[in-house]
Protein backbone atom coordinates (compact mmCIF):
# COMPACT_ATOMS: atom_id res chain seq x y z
CA MET A 1 5.09 -4.72 -18.82
CA ASP A 2 3.07 -6.41 -21.17
CA VAL A 3 3.93 -10.02 -21.87
CA THR A 4 2.47 -12.74 -23.67
CA CYS A 5 3.02 -16.27 -22.10
CA THR A 6 2.77 -19.54 -23.72
CA THR A 7 2.24 -21.73 -20.82
CA LEU A 8 0.91 -21.56 -17.17
CA GLU A 9 4.37 -22.06 -15.76
CA GLU A 10 5.56 -18.89 -17.88
CA VAL A 11 2.45 -16.82 -16.22
CA ARG A 12 3.37 -18.10 -12.70
CA GLN A 13 7.06 -17.15 -13.15
CA HIS A 14 6.05 -13.57 -14.39
CA ILE A 15 3.73 -13.30 -11.48
CA ASP A 16 6.53 -14.44 -8.99
CA HIS A 17 8.76 -11.79 -10.26
CA ILE A 18 6.19 -9.13 -9.96
CA ASP A 19 5.41 -10.47 -6.40
CA ARG A 20 9.04 -10.00 -5.29
CA GLU A 21 8.84 -6.25 -6.74
CA VAL A 22 5.64 -5.64 -4.99
CA VAL A 23 6.59 -6.84 -1.61
CA ALA A 24 10.04 -4.87 -1.75
CA LEU A 25 7.84 -1.66 -2.67
CA LEU A 26 5.74 -2.80 0.59
CA ALA A 27 8.70 -2.67 2.48
CA SER A 28 9.88 0.81 1.28
CA ARG A 29 6.50 2.07 2.10
CA GLY A 30 6.15 0.64 5.54
CA LYS A 31 9.45 2.26 6.48
CA LEU A 32 8.12 5.61 5.46
CA VAL A 33 4.85 4.72 7.23
CA THR A 34 6.85 4.16 10.37
CA GLN A 35 8.64 7.69 9.88
CA ALA A 36 5.40 9.47 9.56
CA ALA A 37 4.24 8.17 13.10
CA ALA A 38 6.84 10.35 14.64
CA PHE A 39 5.21 13.60 13.18
CA LYS A 40 1.55 12.60 14.26
CA LYS A 41 0.32 13.98 17.64
CA THR A 42 -2.72 11.75 18.05
CA ARG A 43 -4.30 8.25 16.97
CA GLN A 44 -6.81 9.98 14.94
CA ASP A 45 -3.79 11.68 13.08
CA VAL A 46 -2.66 8.37 12.42
CA ARG A 47 -5.92 7.07 10.97
CA ALA A 48 -6.18 10.31 8.86
CA PRO A 49 -9.42 9.32 7.16
CA SER A 50 -9.33 12.40 4.77
CA ARG A 51 -5.86 11.61 3.75
CA VAL A 52 -6.85 7.68 3.11
CA GLU A 53 -9.43 9.11 0.72
CA GLN A 54 -7.03 11.26 -0.95
CA VAL A 55 -4.80 8.33 -1.57
CA ILE A 56 -7.66 6.20 -2.80
CA ASP A 57 -8.82 8.87 -5.27
CA LYS A 58 -5.21 9.19 -6.64
CA VAL A 59 -4.62 5.48 -7.04
CA ARG A 60 -7.98 4.99 -8.86
CA ALA A 61 -6.98 7.53 -11.37
CA LEU A 62 -3.70 5.82 -11.73
CA ALA A 63 -5.62 2.66 -12.34
CA HIS A 64 -7.55 4.19 -15.12
CA GLU A 65 -4.58 5.55 -16.47
CA THR A 66 -2.67 2.24 -16.58
CA GLY A 67 -5.52 0.09 -17.52
CA ALA A 68 -5.82 -1.76 -13.97
CA SER A 69 -9.27 -2.37 -12.53
CA PRO A 70 -10.12 0.83 -10.44
CA ASP A 71 -12.18 -1.40 -8.01
CA VAL A 72 -9.35 -4.02 -7.63
CA VAL A 73 -6.85 -1.11 -6.80
CA GLU A 74 -8.99 0.58 -4.30
CA GLN A 75 -9.71 -2.83 -2.69
CA VAL A 76 -6.11 -3.73 -2.53
CA TYR A 77 -5.11 -0.17 -1.41
CA ARG A 78 -7.79 -0.05 1.37
CA ALA A 79 -6.48 -3.49 2.83
CA MET A 80 -2.96 -2.44 2.61
CA ILE A 81 -3.62 0.97 4.32
CA SER A 82 -5.86 -0.67 7.05
CA ALA A 83 -2.72 -3.00 7.77
CA PHE A 84 -0.35 0.03 7.79
CA ILE A 85 -2.53 1.99 9.98
CA ASP A 86 -2.69 -0.88 12.46
CA ASP A 87 1.30 -1.16 12.38
CA GLU A 88 1.72 2.77 12.63
CA LEU A 89 -0.54 2.88 15.79
CA LYS A 90 1.51 0.19 17.40
CA THR A 91 4.73 2.49 16.43
CA HIS A 92 2.70 5.66 17.47
CA ALA A 93 1.91 4.22 20.88
CA ALA A 94 5.80 3.02 21.47
CA LEU A 95 6.95 6.50 20.82
CA ALA A 96 4.22 8.19 23.24
CA HIS A 97 5.53 5.87 25.80
CA ALA A 98 9.31 6.31 25.08
C-alpha cells in the first residue's frame, strides 16, 4: 500500500491500521506455532536453528522484493521468532507433562 499522507495525523492513522493487521497476523502465526509444538519431540526440535535461518533467508529475500529494509526485517523476525520459541517451549513442556 503506497499512500501519500499530508499530515502527521494521517500517517499515524495509517500506521494504526497496519498495526491492527500485523497483530492479527501474529495471532494467526502464534496459533500455528502452538500446533507445531505437538509435532516436535525435543526442546532442540522446538529451537530448530536451521529452520530459523531458512526463515530469515526467506524474509530477507521478500524484503528485497517488496522494497523493505532486509536488515530491519531480519531484526524484527529474529525478535519475533525468539518470542515464539519461548512460547512454544512452554507449550512443548506442557504437552510433555500431559
